[in-house]
């Protein structure tokens, strides 16, 4: 009897080891991909109300030069783009968009994209989290690997706290067919005990396609307006002192707004994902040509995109004026909640006029404000 128990335990250890090896192979194979697209279906329940929800979406993921992933997730009501720590959300129902700095690691926009799932699996394996072998799943007569990774299994306040993810992998491609998250525990800082159960299935994979779309090259379509943030304020008004702004140019040189005192400034707040910003490049180029020999400068301020992304964008759209990365508070200081956004500032550093959005008369309207103080 003791020998049987020992053999059973030994067999279990081998099974766990084999499943961990399969998981490691899946991670390694995924990390070699250049791009992948798929469809997904999700189901789950709100941890507070228990209300159940079902959703479906399509996903495009592409590997960036630095090894990170960019993605585009599309459902019936929403699109999300993520790259270079920038999040763009399009609400397809009310035709609004929002742009913000964000990180996947923070979990604030965590989505079960394959990039997130496989990165999380890699981290769990590197930390030696237990991998449990589960019986093969048979779907439409086809066998799939099936295993569970346990992140947490303990007790707190006499209740079980638990977290685990389960994977169903295609035995040939090693891509997930299904993914499940299970959790039991307390909301941080409270005595509220909740249950989590979310399930996802994936289908219609395509990998390493040629001419794969790059989410970083996407533009918010015409007809979308910026979602007004709660507590958003009107633009800075005439006569107000333009807030100081730290600036980093595309060569890595640092400057600040006050260094331009004595010149009339056109400050253009822009974003690579904004279609109207691309449309505004031509009119602003014309203003540069018109006033270039006078005491005038254009500061193209991009708070969300990386210097490399800005340089690529500027080449693509023939931006002739200088671009800068601002300090963290610039967008809030200048009350920017949509793009493009413009301010004309006089030689003493005071606001002449602010302009929100793009119009067919943009060059004329900006020029009229500039002429009053030049």
Protein backbone atom coordinates (compact mmCIF):
# COMPACT_ATOMS: atom_id res chain seq x y z
CA UNK A 1 0.00 0.00 0.00
CA UNK A 2 2.77 2.42 0.90
CA UNK A 3 4.54 1.56 -2.37
CA UNK A 4 1.35 2.34 -4.34
CA UNK A 5 0.99 5.68 -2.61
CA UNK A 6 4.64 6.51 -3.35
CA UNK A 7 4.23 5.56 -7.02
CA UNK A 8 1.09 7.67 -7.24
CA UNK A 9 2.89 10.67 -5.75
CA UNK A 10 5.85 10.18 -8.10
CA UNK A 11 3.50 9.92 -11.07
CA UNK A 12 1.79 13.14 -10.02
CA UNK A 13 5.14 14.97 -9.84
CA UNK A 14 6.02 13.79 -13.36
CA UNK A 15 2.62 14.98 -14.66
CA UNK A 16 3.07 18.39 -13.11
CA UNK A 17 6.58 18.64 -14.55
CA UNK A 18 5.35 17.68 -18.03
CA UNK A 19 2.56 20.27 -17.93
CA UNK A 20 5.01 22.94 -16.76
CA UNK A 21 7.26 22.08 -19.69
CA UNK A 22 4.31 22.37 -22.08
CA UNK A 23 3.42 25.73 -20.57
CA UNK A 24 7.02 26.92 -21.00
CA UNK A 25 7.03 25.75 -24.62
CA UNK A 26 3.79 27.63 -25.25
CA UNK A 27 5.27 30.84 -23.80
CA UNK A 28 8.48 30.47 -25.83
CA UNK A 29 6.59 29.81 -29.05
CA UNK A 30 4.31 32.79 -28.48
CA UNK A 31 7.25 35.11 -27.81
CA UNK A 32 8.63 34.31 -31.28
CA UNK A 33 5.49 35.54 -33.05
CA UNK A 34 5.56 38.82 -34.96
CA UNK A 35 1.80 39.27 -35.03
CA UNK A 36 -1.41 37.39 -34.33
CA UNK A 37 -5.12 37.99 -34.86
CA UNK A 38 -8.09 36.06 -33.48
CA UNK A 39 -11.69 36.20 -32.33
CA UNK A 40 -12.67 35.78 -28.69
CA UNK A 41 -15.79 35.24 -26.65
CA UNK A 42 -15.97 36.07 -22.95
CA UNK A 43 -18.42 35.33 -20.18
CA UNK A 44 -18.35 36.29 -16.54
CA UNK A 45 -20.21 37.84 -13.64
CA UNK A 46 -19.91 41.17 -11.87
CA UNK A 47 -18.11 40.50 -8.57
CA UNK A 48 -20.43 42.90 -6.71
CA UNK A 49 -23.85 42.22 -8.22
CA UNK A 50 -23.45 38.77 -9.75
CA UNK A 51 -24.91 40.04 -13.02
CA UNK A 52 -23.70 37.86 -15.88
CA UNK A 53 -22.35 39.21 -19.15
CA UNK A 54 -21.27 37.79 -22.49
CA UNK A 55 -19.22 39.61 -25.10
CA UNK A 56 -17.36 38.86 -28.31
CA UNK A 57 -14.52 40.72 -29.96
CA UNK A 58 -11.75 40.56 -32.53
CA UNK A 59 -8.12 41.26 -31.71
CA UNK A 60 -5.01 42.33 -33.58
CA UNK A 61 -1.67 42.08 -31.76
CA UNK A 62 1.68 43.06 -33.21
CA UNK A 63 5.19 42.95 -31.73
CA UNK A 64 6.92 46.31 -31.36
CA UNK A 65 10.63 46.86 -31.96
CA UNK A 66 11.29 46.95 -28.21
CA UNK A 67 9.62 43.55 -27.73
CA UNK A 68 6.39 44.93 -26.27
CA UNK A 69 2.99 44.22 -27.80
CA UNK A 70 0.56 46.66 -29.34
CA UNK A 71 -3.06 45.69 -29.77
CA UNK A 72 -6.43 46.64 -31.15
CA UNK A 73 -9.52 45.05 -29.59
CA UNK A 74 -12.87 45.58 -31.32
CA UNK A 75 -16.35 44.70 -30.05
CA UNK A 76 -19.80 45.87 -31.10
CA UNK A 77 -19.73 48.89 -28.81
CA UNK A 78 -16.08 49.74 -28.26
CA UNK A 79 -12.54 49.70 -29.63
CA UNK A 80 -9.41 49.77 -27.51
CA UNK A 81 -5.91 50.46 -28.83
CA UNK A 82 -2.83 50.10 -26.70
CA UNK A 83 0.82 50.79 -27.55
CA UNK A 84 3.82 52.57 -26.02
CA UNK A 85 1.91 52.85 -22.70
CA UNK A 86 -0.87 54.78 -24.41
CA UNK A 87 -4.53 53.80 -24.29
CA UNK A 88 -7.10 54.96 -26.82
CA UNK A 89 -10.76 54.02 -26.31
CA UNK A 90 -13.42 54.62 -28.95
CA UNK A 91 -17.04 54.46 -27.86
CA UNK A 92 -18.79 53.29 -31.02
CA UNK A 93 -22.23 54.05 -29.59
CA UNK A 94 -21.90 57.75 -28.81
CA UNK A 95 -18.95 58.40 -31.18
CA UNK A 96 -16.56 59.66 -28.53
CA UNK A 97 -12.92 58.86 -27.76
CA UNK A 98 -10.51 59.17 -24.86
CA UNK A 99 -6.71 59.06 -24.73
CA UNK A 100 -4.56 58.49 -21.66
CA UNK A 101 -1.24 57.19 -20.45
CA UNK A 102 -1.63 53.72 -18.99
CA UNK A 103 0.26 50.52 -18.27
CA UNK A 104 -0.87 46.94 -18.59
CA UNK A 105 1.09 46.11 -15.45
CA UNK A 106 -1.12 48.40 -13.39
CA UNK A 107 -4.11 46.33 -14.42
CA UNK A 108 -6.26 49.37 -15.10
CA UNK A 109 -6.98 48.27 -18.65
CA UNK A 110 -6.21 44.60 -18.24
CA UNK A 111 -7.78 42.63 -21.03
CA UNK A 112 -7.41 38.91 -21.70
CA UNK A 113 -5.41 39.54 -24.85
CA UNK A 114 -3.01 36.76 -25.66
CA UNK A 115 -0.13 39.11 -24.86
CA UNK A 116 -1.43 39.63 -21.31
CA UNK A 117 -2.31 35.99 -20.80
CA UNK A 118 1.02 34.64 -22.00
CA UNK A 119 3.03 37.28 -20.14
CA UNK A 120 1.18 36.40 -16.95
CA UNK A 121 1.83 32.71 -17.55
CA UNK A 122 5.54 33.39 -18.08
CA UNK A 123 5.72 35.33 -14.80
CA UNK A 124 3.92 32.58 -12.88
CA UNK A 125 6.29 29.94 -14.28
CA UNK A 126 9.34 32.04 -13.42
CA UNK A 127 8.06 32.30 -9.84
CA UNK A 128 7.53 28.54 -9.61
CA UNK A 129 3.76 28.74 -9.17
CA UNK A 130 2.24 25.23 -9.00
CA UNK A 131 1.11 23.76 -12.33
CA UNK A 132 -1.52 21.04 -12.05
CA UNK A 133 -2.21 18.54 -14.80
CA UNK A 134 -5.89 18.25 -15.78
CA UNK A 135 -7.45 15.67 -18.11
CA UNK A 136 -7.21 16.51 -21.80
CA UNK A 137 -10.18 18.49 -23.06
CA UNK A 138 -11.90 16.96 -26.07
CA UNK A 139 -13.59 19.54 -28.29
CA UNK A 140 -15.19 18.53 -31.60
CA UNK A 141 -13.27 15.26 -31.38
CA UNK A 142 -9.91 17.00 -30.95
CA UNK A 143 -7.72 16.68 -27.85
CA UNK A 144 -6.28 19.74 -26.12
CA UNK A 145 -3.77 20.12 -23.29
CA UNK A 146 -5.43 21.24 -20.07
CA UNK A 147 -3.67 22.53 -16.94
CA UNK A 148 -4.13 24.94 -14.05
CA UNK A 149 -1.69 27.43 -12.53
CA UNK A 150 -2.38 28.36 -8.90
CA UNK A 151 -1.22 31.82 -7.88
CA UNK A 152 -2.69 31.86 -4.36
CA UNK A 153 -4.23 29.31 -2.02
CA UNK A 154 -4.48 30.37 1.61
CA UNK A 155 -6.81 31.43 4.42
CA UNK A 156 -7.70 34.87 5.72
CA UNK A 157 -10.25 35.75 8.38
CA UNK A 158 -11.28 32.09 8.43
CA UNK A 159 -12.10 32.15 4.74
CA UNK A 160 -10.31 30.72 1.75
CA UNK A 161 -8.48 33.17 -0.50
CA UNK A 162 -7.64 31.70 -3.84
CA UNK A 163 -6.49 32.64 -7.33
CA UNK A 164 -5.87 30.39 -10.32
CA UNK A 165 -5.84 30.42 -14.10
CA UNK A 166 -6.65 27.44 -16.30
CA UNK A 167 -5.51 26.90 -19.87
CA UNK A 168 -6.76 24.73 -22.71
CA UNK A 169 -4.03 24.65 -25.37
CA UNK A 170 -4.03 23.41 -28.95
CA UNK A 171 -1.56 20.53 -29.04
CA UNK A 172 -0.07 21.65 -32.37
CA UNK A 173 0.07 25.45 -32.21
CA UNK A 174 0.23 25.66 -28.39
CA UNK A 175 -2.10 28.65 -28.60
CA UNK A 176 -4.93 28.88 -26.06
CA UNK A 177 -8.34 27.62 -27.09
CA UNK A 178 -9.75 28.60 -23.69
CA UNK A 179 -8.66 30.52 -20.62
CA UNK A 180 -10.33 30.78 -17.22
CA UNK A 181 -9.73 32.93 -14.14
CA UNK A 182 -10.97 31.80 -10.73
CA UNK A 183 -10.72 33.84 -7.57
CA UNK A 184 -11.95 34.05 -3.99
CA UNK A 185 -10.98 36.82 -1.62
CA UNK A 186 -11.47 40.24 -0.10
CA UNK A 187 -11.61 43.57 -1.87
CA UNK A 188 -8.47 45.43 -0.79
CA UNK A 189 -8.94 47.32 2.46
CA UNK A 190 -12.45 45.98 3.09
CA UNK A 191 -14.25 43.00 4.61
CA UNK A 192 -16.14 42.40 1.35
CA UNK A 193 -15.61 38.78 0.28
CA UNK A 194 -16.15 38.16 -3.43
CA UNK A 195 -15.97 35.42 -6.03
CA UNK A 196 -14.46 35.84 -9.50
CA UNK A 197 -15.07 33.56 -12.46
CA UNK A 198 -14.31 34.69 -16.00
CA UNK A 199 -13.99 32.45 -19.04
CA UNK A 200 -12.72 33.14 -22.55
CA UNK A 201 -12.54 31.13 -25.76
CA UNK A 202 -10.40 31.95 -28.79
CA UNK A 203 -10.80 31.04 -32.45
CA UNK A 204 -9.88 31.95 -36.04
CA UNK A 205 -6.19 32.44 -35.34
CA UNK A 206 -3.91 33.93 -37.97
CA UNK A 207 -0.22 34.36 -37.17
CA UNK A 208 2.70 36.21 -38.75
CA UNK A 209 0.67 37.74 -41.55
CA UNK A 210 2.33 40.06 -44.05
CA UNK A 211 1.17 43.69 -44.23
CA UNK A 212 -0.31 43.34 -40.74
CA UNK A 213 -1.98 46.57 -39.52
CA UNK A 214 -0.08 48.50 -36.86
CA UNK A 215 -2.28 49.84 -34.02
CA UNK A 216 0.19 52.72 -33.61
CA UNK A 217 -0.73 53.94 -37.10
CA UNK A 218 -4.48 54.01 -36.42
CA UNK A 219 -6.37 57.29 -36.41
CA UNK A 220 -9.58 58.18 -34.61
CA UNK A 221 -12.16 58.39 -37.43
CA UNK A 222 -13.79 61.61 -38.50
CA UNK A 223 -17.04 62.25 -36.66
CA UNK A 224 -15.71 61.24 -33.22
CA UNK A 225 -15.40 63.86 -30.49
CA UNK A 226 -13.44 63.78 -27.25
CA UNK A 227 -15.33 62.36 -24.30
CA UNK A 228 -15.58 65.20 -21.81
CA UNK A 229 -14.00 64.18 -18.56
CA UNK A 230 -15.82 64.58 -15.29
CA UNK A 231 -14.90 67.93 -13.81
CA UNK A 232 -13.37 69.16 -17.08
CA UNK A 233 -12.92 72.92 -17.27
CA UNK A 234 -13.25 75.35 -20.14
CA UNK A 235 -10.13 76.40 -22.04
CA UNK A 236 -7.81 79.01 -20.54
CA UNK A 237 -9.17 82.48 -21.23
CA UNK A 238 -7.66 85.63 -22.75
CA UNK A 239 -5.26 87.45 -20.44
CA UNK A 240 -4.46 84.44 -18.26
CA UNK A 241 -0.76 83.63 -17.83
CA UNK A 242 0.15 80.55 -19.86
CA UNK A 243 1.22 77.88 -17.35
CA UNK A 244 4.92 77.05 -17.32
CA UNK A 245 5.66 73.87 -19.21
CA UNK A 246 8.80 71.69 -19.24
CA UNK A 247 9.58 70.49 -22.76
CA UNK A 248 11.82 67.80 -24.24
CA UNK A 249 12.55 68.04 -27.95
CA UNK A 250 13.09 65.11 -30.31
CA UNK A 251 16.87 65.36 -29.90
CA UNK A 252 16.68 65.01 -26.13
CA UNK A 253 17.25 68.69 -25.34
CA UNK A 254 15.29 70.22 -22.48
CA UNK A 255 13.67 73.63 -22.56
CA UNK A 256 10.63 75.32 -21.05
CA UNK A 257 7.85 77.60 -22.19
CA UNK A 258 9.31 80.71 -20.53
CA UNK A 259 12.43 80.38 -22.72
CA UNK A 260 10.25 81.56 -25.62
CA UNK A 261 9.23 84.83 -23.96
CA UNK A 262 9.48 87.62 -26.52
CA UNK A 263 7.91 85.49 -29.26
CA UNK A 264 4.31 84.91 -30.20
CA UNK A 265 3.63 81.19 -29.73
CA UNK A 266 1.23 78.77 -31.27
CA UNK A 267 0.99 75.78 -28.90
CA UNK A 268 -0.50 72.78 -30.63
CA UNK A 269 -1.57 69.88 -28.38
CA UNK A 270 -1.69 66.81 -30.58
CA UNK A 271 -1.77 63.02 -30.53
CA UNK A 272 -0.68 60.43 -33.09
CA UNK A 273 -4.00 58.59 -32.91
CA UNK A 274 -6.13 61.65 -33.68
CA UNK A 275 -7.42 61.86 -37.26
CA UNK A 276 -8.22 65.56 -36.96
CA UNK A 277 -4.64 66.19 -35.78
CA UNK A 278 -3.37 64.73 -39.03
CA UNK A 279 -5.78 67.00 -40.94
CA UNK A 280 -4.45 70.01 -39.01
CA UNK A 281 -0.82 69.48 -40.06
CA UNK A 282 -1.25 71.20 -43.44
CA UNK A 283 -2.81 74.41 -42.08
CA UNK A 284 -0.23 74.67 -39.28
CA UNK A 285 2.60 74.12 -41.79
CA UNK A 286 1.18 77.05 -43.73
CA UNK A 287 1.27 79.23 -40.62
CA UNK A 288 4.92 78.32 -40.07
CA UNK A 289 5.76 79.34 -43.62
CA UNK A 290 3.75 82.56 -43.30
CA UNK A 291 5.31 83.78 -40.03
CA UNK A 292 8.69 82.01 -40.01
CA UNK A 293 10.70 85.20 -40.51
CA UNK A 294 8.98 87.02 -37.64
CA UNK A 295 9.06 86.67 -33.84
CA UNK A 296 6.96 83.54 -33.91
CA UNK A 297 7.31 79.87 -32.98
CA UNK A 298 5.17 76.75 -33.05
CA UNK A 299 5.40 74.22 -30.22
CA UNK A 300 3.85 70.89 -31.18
CA UNK A 301 3.16 69.18 -27.85
CA UNK A 302 2.48 65.43 -27.70
CA UNK A 303 1.93 64.07 -24.19
CA UNK A 304 1.19 60.43 -24.99
CA UNK A 305 3.42 59.08 -27.77
CA UNK A 306 7.07 58.10 -27.52
CA UNK A 307 9.77 60.17 -29.26
CA UNK A 308 10.31 57.36 -31.79
CA UNK A 309 6.58 57.24 -32.55
CA UNK A 310 6.43 61.03 -32.87
CA UNK A 311 9.36 61.07 -35.31
CA UNK A 312 7.74 58.34 -37.43
CA UNK A 313 4.44 60.20 -37.44
CA UNK A 314 6.09 63.50 -38.34
CA UNK A 315 7.80 61.88 -41.32
CA UNK A 316 4.58 60.24 -42.47
CA UNK A 317 2.51 63.43 -42.32
CA UNK A 318 5.30 65.89 -43.26
CA UNK A 319 5.20 67.87 -40.01
CA UNK A 320 7.56 70.85 -40.47
CA UNK A 321 7.29 72.41 -37.02
CA UNK A 322 9.13 71.29 -33.87
CA UNK A 323 7.64 68.64 -31.59
CA UNK A 324 8.07 68.23 -27.84
CA UNK A 325 7.23 65.88 -24.98
CA UNK A 326 5.76 67.93 -22.09
CA UNK A 327 5.86 67.53 -18.33
CA UNK A 328 3.19 65.37 -16.71
CA UNK A 329 0.90 68.21 -15.69
CA UNK A 330 0.75 70.03 -19.05
CA UNK A 331 -2.48 68.46 -20.33
CA UNK A 332 -4.32 69.28 -17.10
CA UNK A 333 -2.72 72.72 -16.74
CA UNK A 334 -3.94 73.69 -20.20
CA UNK A 335 -7.35 72.03 -19.71
CA UNK A 336 -6.94 69.83 -22.77
CA UNK A 337 -9.60 67.13 -23.08
CA UNK A 338 -9.65 66.72 -26.86
CA UNK A 339 -7.33 66.89 -29.85
CA UNK A 340 -6.12 68.89 -31.60
CA UNK A 341 -6.10 71.79 -29.15
CA UNK A 342 -4.42 75.14 -29.82
CA UNK A 343 -3.40 78.20 -27.86
CA UNK A 344 -2.03 81.46 -29.17
CA UNK A 345 0.24 83.08 -26.56
CA UNK A 346 1.56 86.66 -26.76
CA UNK A 347 5.16 87.83 -26.28
CA UNK A 348 4.56 88.38 -22.55
CA UNK A 349 3.42 84.80 -22.04
CA UNK A 350 -0.31 85.50 -21.76
CA UNK A 351 -3.14 83.64 -23.45
CA UNK A 352 -4.57 85.34 -26.53
CA UNK A 353 -7.09 82.66 -27.43
CA UNK A 354 -7.67 78.92 -27.14
CA UNK A 355 -9.10 76.71 -29.88
CA UNK A 356 -10.56 73.24 -29.39
CA UNK A 357 -10.79 70.82 -32.30
CA UNK A 358 -10.32 71.08 -36.06
CA UNK A 359 -12.30 73.12 -38.56
CA UNK A 360 -11.99 73.87 -42.24
CA UNK A 361 -11.23 77.48 -41.27
CA UNK A 362 -8.46 76.54 -38.82
CA UNK A 363 -5.64 78.39 -40.60
CA UNK A 364 -7.74 81.53 -40.98
CA UNK A 365 -8.89 81.53 -37.34
CA UNK A 366 -5.43 80.89 -35.89
CA UNK A 367 -3.91 83.50 -38.18
CA UNK A 368 -6.44 86.11 -37.06
CA UNK A 369 -5.47 85.55 -33.40
CA UNK A 370 -1.74 85.59 -34.18
CA UNK A 371 -2.00 88.85 -36.16
CA UNK A 372 -3.46 90.70 -33.15
CA UNK A 373 -0.24 90.32 -31.15
CA UNK A 374 2.55 89.77 -33.66
